[in-house]
Amino acid sequence: MRFHTRKWVKPEDLNPNGTLFGGRLLEWIDEEAALYAIVQLENSHIVTKFITEIDFKSSAKEGDIIEIGLEVTTFGNASMTLRSEVRNMMTRETIITIEKIVMVNLNAKGQPTPHGKTKVEFISDRLK
Protein backbone atom coordinates (compact mmCIF):
# COMPACT_ATOMS: atom_id res chain seq x y z
CA MET A 1 0.00 0.00 0.00
CA ARG A 2 1.23 3.45 -0.88
CA PHE A 3 0.58 6.32 1.50
CA HIS A 4 -0.11 9.30 -0.74
CA THR A 5 -1.32 12.05 1.54
CA ARG A 6 -0.48 13.42 4.95
CA LYS A 7 -2.83 15.46 7.10
CA TRP A 8 -2.05 17.40 10.25
CA VAL A 9 -4.79 17.05 12.87
CA LYS A 10 -5.79 20.58 13.90
CA PRO A 11 -8.25 21.85 16.56
CA GLU A 12 -11.06 22.24 14.00
CA ASP A 13 -10.75 18.51 13.15
CA LEU A 14 -11.55 17.32 16.68
CA ASN A 15 -14.73 15.92 18.18
CA PRO A 16 -15.98 16.76 21.73
CA ASN A 17 -13.70 13.99 23.09
CA GLY A 18 -10.61 15.81 21.81
CA THR A 19 -9.81 13.20 19.17
CA LEU A 20 -10.07 13.29 15.38
CA PHE A 21 -13.71 13.47 14.27
CA GLY A 22 -14.52 10.35 12.25
CA GLY A 23 -16.55 12.32 9.71
CA ARG A 24 -13.58 14.56 8.95
CA LEU A 25 -11.35 11.51 8.46
CA LEU A 26 -13.90 9.92 6.10
CA GLU A 27 -14.07 13.20 4.14
CA TRP A 28 -10.29 13.09 3.70
CA ILE A 29 -10.34 9.42 2.64
CA ASP A 30 -13.17 9.99 0.13
CA GLU A 31 -11.36 12.98 -1.37
CA GLU A 32 -8.11 11.04 -1.65
CA ALA A 33 -9.91 8.07 -3.27
CA ALA A 34 -11.55 10.41 -5.78
CA LEU A 35 -8.25 12.09 -6.67
CA TYR A 36 -6.55 8.72 -7.04
CA ALA A 37 -9.35 7.45 -9.29
CA ILE A 38 -9.28 10.62 -11.41
CA VAL A 39 -5.55 10.17 -12.06
CA GLN A 40 -5.79 6.42 -12.70
CA LEU A 41 -8.87 6.55 -14.93
CA GLU A 42 -7.83 9.82 -16.58
CA ASN A 43 -11.28 11.33 -16.14
CA SER A 44 -12.42 14.07 -13.75
CA HIS A 45 -15.99 12.70 -13.71
CA ILE A 46 -15.71 10.16 -10.88
CA VAL A 47 -18.14 9.36 -8.07
CA THR A 48 -18.00 7.24 -4.94
CA LYS A 49 -20.52 4.43 -5.26
CA PHE A 50 -19.88 2.29 -2.21
CA ILE A 51 -17.83 2.14 0.97
CA THR A 52 -17.81 -1.00 3.09
CA GLU A 53 -17.55 -1.26 6.84
CA ILE A 54 -15.22 1.27 8.40
CA ASP A 55 -13.02 -0.25 11.10
CA PHE A 56 -11.73 2.30 13.63
CA LYS A 57 -8.71 0.75 15.35
CA SER A 58 -7.28 3.73 17.24
CA SER A 59 -7.70 7.49 17.41
CA ALA A 60 -5.66 10.53 16.51
CA LYS A 61 -5.31 13.68 18.55
CA GLU A 62 -4.45 17.31 17.90
CA GLY A 63 -0.95 17.67 16.49
CA ASP A 64 -0.76 14.14 15.09
CA ILE A 65 0.24 13.71 11.47
CA ILE A 66 -1.70 10.98 9.73
CA GLU A 67 -1.07 9.25 6.40
CA ILE A 68 -3.79 8.06 4.04
CA GLY A 69 -2.92 4.92 2.12
CA LEU A 70 -4.73 3.48 -0.89
CA GLU A 71 -4.29 0.46 -3.10
CA VAL A 72 -6.30 -0.79 -6.06
CA THR A 73 -7.81 -4.22 -5.50
CA THR A 74 -9.77 -4.59 -8.76
CA PHE A 75 -10.74 -2.81 -11.94
CA GLY A 76 -14.31 -3.27 -13.13
CA ASN A 77 -15.74 -2.28 -16.49
CA ALA A 78 -16.66 1.25 -15.34
CA SER A 79 -15.34 1.12 -11.79
CA MET A 80 -12.23 0.80 -9.69
CA THR A 81 -12.16 -0.73 -6.22
CA LEU A 82 -9.71 0.50 -3.61
CA ARG A 83 -8.65 -0.50 -0.11
CA SER A 84 -7.60 2.17 2.40
CA GLU A 85 -5.61 2.33 5.60
CA VAL A 86 -4.93 5.45 7.63
CA ARG A 87 -2.09 5.44 10.11
CA ASN A 88 -0.25 7.73 12.46
CA MET A 89 2.84 8.81 10.55
CA MET A 90 5.13 8.87 13.56
CA THR A 91 4.06 5.68 15.36
CA ARG A 92 2.77 3.75 12.30
CA GLU A 93 -0.25 2.74 14.41
CA THR A 94 -3.30 2.00 12.24
CA ILE A 95 -6.17 4.40 12.87
CA ILE A 96 -8.73 3.08 10.38
CA THR A 97 -9.14 0.49 7.64
CA ILE A 98 -11.69 0.28 4.84
CA GLU A 99 -11.64 -2.88 2.77
CA LYS A 100 -13.64 -1.64 -0.20
CA ILE A 101 -14.21 1.77 -1.77
CA VAL A 102 -15.85 1.59 -5.20
CA MET A 103 -15.26 4.56 -7.49
CA VAL A 104 -17.26 4.81 -10.75
CA ASN A 105 -16.14 6.40 -14.01
CA LEU A 106 -18.81 8.66 -15.58
CA ASN A 107 -19.31 10.19 -19.00
CA ALA A 108 -20.29 13.84 -19.57
CA LYS A 109 -23.97 12.95 -19.03
CA GLY A 110 -23.25 11.44 -15.61
CA GLN A 111 -23.71 7.83 -16.71
CA PRO A 112 -21.27 5.00 -15.83
CA THR A 113 -18.94 4.46 -18.74
CA PRO A 114 -16.18 1.92 -19.44
CA HIS A 115 -12.67 3.17 -18.73
CA GLY A 116 -10.59 0.46 -20.41
CA LYS A 117 -8.09 0.20 -17.55
CA THR A 118 -6.87 -3.13 -16.21
CA LYS A 119 -3.87 -2.20 -14.07
CA VAL A 120 -2.41 0.65 -12.04
CA GLU A 121 -0.41 3.09 -14.11
CA PHE A 122 2.15 5.52 -12.76
CA ILE A 123 2.52 9.01 -14.21
CA SER A 124 6.19 8.33 -14.94
CA ASP A 125 5.17 5.35 -17.12
CA ARG A 126 2.76 7.54 -19.13
CA LEU A 127 5.49 10.06 -19.86
CA LYS A 128 7.88 7.59 -21.53
C-alpha atoms as a PDB file:
ATOM      1  CA  MET A   1       0.000   0.000   0.000  1.00  0.00           C
ATOM      2  CA  ARG A   2       1.233   3.451  -0.879  1.00  0.00           C
ATOM      3  CA  PHE A   3       0.583   6.315   1.500  1.00  0.00           C
ATOM      4  CA  HIS A   4      -0.106   9.302  -0.742  1.00  0.00           C
ATOM      5  CA  THR A   5      -1.322  12.054   1.545  1.00  0.00           C
ATOM      6  CA  ARG A   6      -0.480  13.420   4.945  1.00  0.00           C
ATOM      7  CA  LYS A   7      -2.827  15.463   7.103  1.00  0.00           C
ATOM      8  CA  TRP A   8      -2.050  17.402  10.245  1.00  0.00           C
ATOM      9  CA  VAL A   9      -4.786  17.051  12.874  1.00  0.00           C
ATOM     10  CA  LYS A  10      -5.791  20.580  13.904  1.00  0.00           C
ATOM     11  CA  PRO A  11      -8.248  21.849  16.561  1.00  0.00           C
ATOM     12  CA  GLU A  12     -11.056  22.244  14.002  1.00  0.00           C
ATOM     13  CA  ASP A  13     -10.746  18.507  13.152  1.00  0.00           C
ATOM     14  CA  LEU A  14     -11.552  17.316  16.681  1.00  0.00           C
ATOM     15  CA  ASN A  15     -14.734  15.916  18.185  1.00  0.00           C
ATOM     16  CA  PRO A  16     -15.981  16.756  21.725  1.00  0.00           C
ATOM     17  CA  ASN A  17     -13.699  13.992  23.090  1.00  0.00           C
ATOM     18  CA  GLY A  18     -10.614  15.809  21.815  1.00  0.00           C
ATOM     19  CA  THR A  19      -9.811  13.195  19.166  1.00  0.00           C
ATOM     20  CA  LEU A  20     -10.065  13.288  15.383  1.00  0.00           C
ATOM     21  CA  PHE A  21     -13.715  13.467  14.270  1.00  0.00           C
ATOM     22  CA  GLY A  22     -14.525  10.354  12.250  1.00  0.00           C
ATOM     23  CA  GLY A  23     -16.549  12.325   9.713  1.00  0.00           C
ATOM     24  CA  ARG A  24     -13.577  14.555   8.951  1.00  0.00           C
ATOM     25  CA  LEU A  25     -11.350  11.513   8.460  1.00  0.00           C
ATOM     26  CA  LEU A  26     -13.899   9.923   6.105  1.00  0.00           C
ATOM     27  CA  GLU A  27     -14.068  13.196   4.138  1.00  0.00           C
ATOM     28  CA  TRP A  28     -10.286  13.093   3.698  1.00  0.00           C
ATOM     29  CA  ILE A  29     -10.337   9.421   2.637  1.00  0.00           C
ATOM     30  CA  ASP A  30     -13.166   9.987   0.135  1.00  0.00           C
ATOM     31  CA  GLU A  31     -11.365  12.977  -1.369  1.00  0.00           C
ATOM     32  CA  GLU A  32      -8.109  11.037  -1.651  1.00  0.00           C
ATOM     33  CA  ALA A  33      -9.906   8.069  -3.268  1.00  0.00           C
ATOM     34  CA  ALA A  34     -11.549  10.412  -5.784  1.00  0.00           C
ATOM     35  CA  LEU A  35      -8.249  12.094  -6.667  1.00  0.00           C
ATOM     36  CA  TYR A  36      -6.549   8.721  -7.038  1.00  0.00           C
ATOM     37  CA  ALA A  37      -9.352   7.448  -9.294  1.00  0.00           C
ATOM     38  CA  ILE A  38      -9.278  10.623 -11.414  1.00  0.00           C
ATOM     39  CA  VAL A  39      -5.554  10.169 -12.057  1.00  0.00           C
ATOM     40  CA  GLN A  40      -5.793   6.423 -12.699  1.00  0.00           C
ATOM     41  CA  LEU A  41      -8.870   6.553 -14.925  1.00  0.00           C
ATOM     42  CA  GLU A  42      -7.832   9.824 -16.582  1.00  0.00           C
ATOM     43  CA  ASN A  43     -11.282  11.333 -16.141  1.00  0.00           C
ATOM     44  CA  SER A  44     -12.423  14.066 -13.748  1.00  0.00           C
ATOM     45  CA  HIS A  45     -15.987  12.699 -13.713  1.00  0.00           C
ATOM     46  CA  ILE A  46     -15.714  10.157 -10.881  1.00  0.00           C
ATOM     47  CA  VAL A  47     -18.141   9.359  -8.065  1.00  0.00           C
ATOM     48  CA  THR A  48     -17.997   7.242  -4.938  1.00  0.00           C
ATOM     49  CA  LYS A  49     -20.524   4.434  -5.262  1.00  0.00           C
ATOM     50  CA  PHE A  50     -19.882   2.293  -2.214  1.00  0.00           C
ATOM     51  CA  ILE A  51     -17.827   2.143   0.972  1.00  0.00           C
ATOM     52  CA  THR A  52     -17.808  -0.998   3.093  1.00  0.00           C
ATOM     53  CA  GLU A  53     -17.553  -1.256   6.843  1.00  0.00           C
ATOM     54  CA  ILE A  54     -15.215   1.267   8.401  1.00  0.00           C
ATOM     55  CA  ASP A  55     -13.025  -0.252  11.104  1.00  0.00           C
ATOM     56  CA  PHE A  56     -11.732   2.304  13.625  1.00  0.00           C
ATOM     57  CA  LYS A  57      -8.713   0.746  15.346  1.00  0.00           C
ATOM     58  CA  SER A  58      -7.283   3.735  17.237  1.00  0.00           C
ATOM     59  CA  SER A  59      -7.696   7.487  17.413  1.00  0.00           C
ATOM     60  CA  ALA A  60      -5.656  10.530  16.507  1.00  0.00           C
ATOM     61  CA  LYS A  61      -5.310  13.684  18.547  1.00  0.00           C
ATOM     62  CA  GLU A  62      -4.453  17.308  17.896  1.00  0.00           C
ATOM     63  CA  GLY A  63      -0.952  17.670  16.491  1.00  0.00           C
ATOM     64  CA  ASP A  64      -0.762  14.140  15.093  1.00  0.00           C
ATOM     65  CA  ILE A  65       0.242  13.709  11.475  1.00  0.00           C
ATOM     66  CA  ILE A  66      -1.698  10.979   9.728  1.00  0.00           C
ATOM     67  CA  GLU A  67      -1.070   9.254   6.401  1.00  0.00           C
ATOM     68  CA  ILE A  68      -3.792   8.057   4.045  1.00  0.00           C
ATOM     69  CA  GLY A  69      -2.923   4.919   2.121  1.00  0.00           C
ATOM     70  CA  LEU A  70      -4.729   3.480  -0.892  1.00  0.00           C
ATOM     71  CA  GLU A  71      -4.293   0.461  -3.104  1.00  0.00           C
ATOM     72  CA  VAL A  72      -6.301  -0.788  -6.057  1.00  0.00           C
ATOM     73  CA  THR A  73      -7.809  -4.223  -5.504  1.00  0.00           C
ATOM     74  CA  THR A  74      -9.765  -4.590  -8.760  1.00  0.00           C
ATOM     75  CA  PHE A  75     -10.739  -2.810 -11.944  1.00  0.00           C
ATOM     76  CA  GLY A  76     -14.311  -3.270 -13.133  1.00  0.00           C
ATOM     77  CA  ASN A  77     -15.742  -2.281 -16.490  1.00  0.00           C
ATOM     78  CA  ALA A  78     -16.661   1.247 -15.345  1.00  0.00           C
ATOM     79  CA  SER A  79     -15.337   1.123 -11.795  1.00  0.00           C
ATOM     80  CA  MET A  80     -12.230   0.796  -9.694  1.00  0.00           C
ATOM     81  CA  THR A  81     -12.160  -0.726  -6.216  1.00  0.00           C
ATOM     82  CA  LEU A  82      -9.709   0.503  -3.605  1.00  0.00           C
ATOM     83  CA  ARG A  83      -8.652  -0.503  -0.106  1.00  0.00           C
ATOM     84  CA  SER A  84      -7.604   2.166   2.402  1.00  0.00           C
ATOM     85  CA  GLU A  85      -5.609   2.334   5.596  1.00  0.00           C
ATOM     86  CA  VAL A  86      -4.931   5.451   7.625  1.00  0.00           C
ATOM     87  CA  ARG A  87      -2.093   5.436  10.112  1.00  0.00           C
ATOM     88  CA  ASN A  88      -0.249   7.728  12.464  1.00  0.00           C
ATOM     89  CA  MET A  89       2.840   8.808  10.546  1.00  0.00           C
ATOM     90  CA  MET A  90       5.131   8.869  13.564  1.00  0.00           C
ATOM     91  CA  THR A  91       4.058   5.680  15.365  1.00  0.00           C
ATOM     92  CA  ARG A  92       2.775   3.749  12.298  1.00  0.00           C
ATOM     93  CA  GLU A  93      -0.252   2.738  14.405  1.00  0.00           C
ATOM     94  CA  THR A  94      -3.299   1.997  12.242  1.00  0.00           C
ATOM     95  CA  ILE A  95      -6.172   4.404  12.868  1.00  0.00           C
ATOM     96  CA  ILE A  96      -8.732   3.083  10.382  1.00  0.00           C
ATOM     97  CA  THR A  97      -9.136   0.493   7.642  1.00  0.00           C
ATOM     98  CA  ILE A  98     -11.692   0.277   4.843  1.00  0.00           C
ATOM     99  CA  GLU A  99     -11.640  -2.881   2.774  1.00  0.00           C
ATOM    100  CA  LYS A 100     -13.640  -1.644  -0.203  1.00  0.00           C
ATOM    101  CA  ILE A 101     -14.213   1.772  -1.768  1.00  0.00           C
ATOM    102  CA  VAL A 102     -15.849   1.589  -5.202  1.00  0.00           C
ATOM    103  CA  MET A 103     -15.264   4.563  -7.494  1.00  0.00           C
ATOM    104  CA  VAL A 104     -17.255   4.815 -10.754  1.00  0.00           C
ATOM    105  CA  ASN A 105     -16.138   6.405 -14.013  1.00  0.00           C
ATOM    106  CA  LEU A 106     -18.813   8.663 -15.577  1.00  0.00           C
ATOM    107  CA  ASN A 107     -19.313  10.192 -18.999  1.00  0.00           C
ATOM    108  CA  ALA A 108     -20.288  13.837 -19.571  1.00  0.00           C
ATOM    109  CA  LYS A 109     -23.974  12.948 -19.029  1.00  0.00           C
ATOM    110  CA  GLY A 110     -23.251  11.440 -15.606  1.00  0.00           C
ATOM    111  CA  GLN A 111     -23.714   7.832 -16.711  1.00  0.00           C
ATOM    112  CA  PRO A 112     -21.273   5.002 -15.829  1.00  0.00           C
ATOM    113  CA  THR A 113     -18.944   4.462 -18.744  1.00  0.00           C
ATOM    114  CA  PRO A 114     -16.177   1.921 -19.436  1.00  0.00           C
ATOM    115  CA  HIS A 115     -12.674   3.172 -18.731  1.00  0.00           C
ATOM    116  CA  GLY A 116     -10.592   0.456 -20.413  1.00  0.00           C
ATOM    117  CA  LYS A 117      -8.087   0.204 -17.549  1.00  0.00           C
ATOM    118  CA  THR A 118      -6.866  -3.132 -16.209  1.00  0.00           C
ATOM    119  CA  LYS A 119      -3.865  -2.199 -14.065  1.00  0.00           C
ATOM    120  CA  VAL A 120      -2.415   0.649 -12.041  1.00  0.00           C
ATOM    121  CA  GLU A 121      -0.405   3.090 -14.109  1.00  0.00           C
ATOM    122  CA  PHE A 122       2.148   5.518 -12.755  1.00  0.00           C
ATOM    123  CA  ILE A 123       2.517   9.007 -14.210  1.00  0.00           C
ATOM    124  CA  SER A 124       6.185   8.325 -14.936  1.00  0.00           C
ATOM    125  CA  ASP A 125       5.167   5.355 -17.125  1.00  0.00           C
ATOM    126  CA  ARG A 126       2.762   7.541 -19.125  1.00  0.00           C
ATOM    127  CA  LEU A 127       5.495  10.063 -19.859  1.00  0.00           C
ATOM    128  CA  LYS A 128       7.875   7.588 -21.526  1.00  0.00           C
END
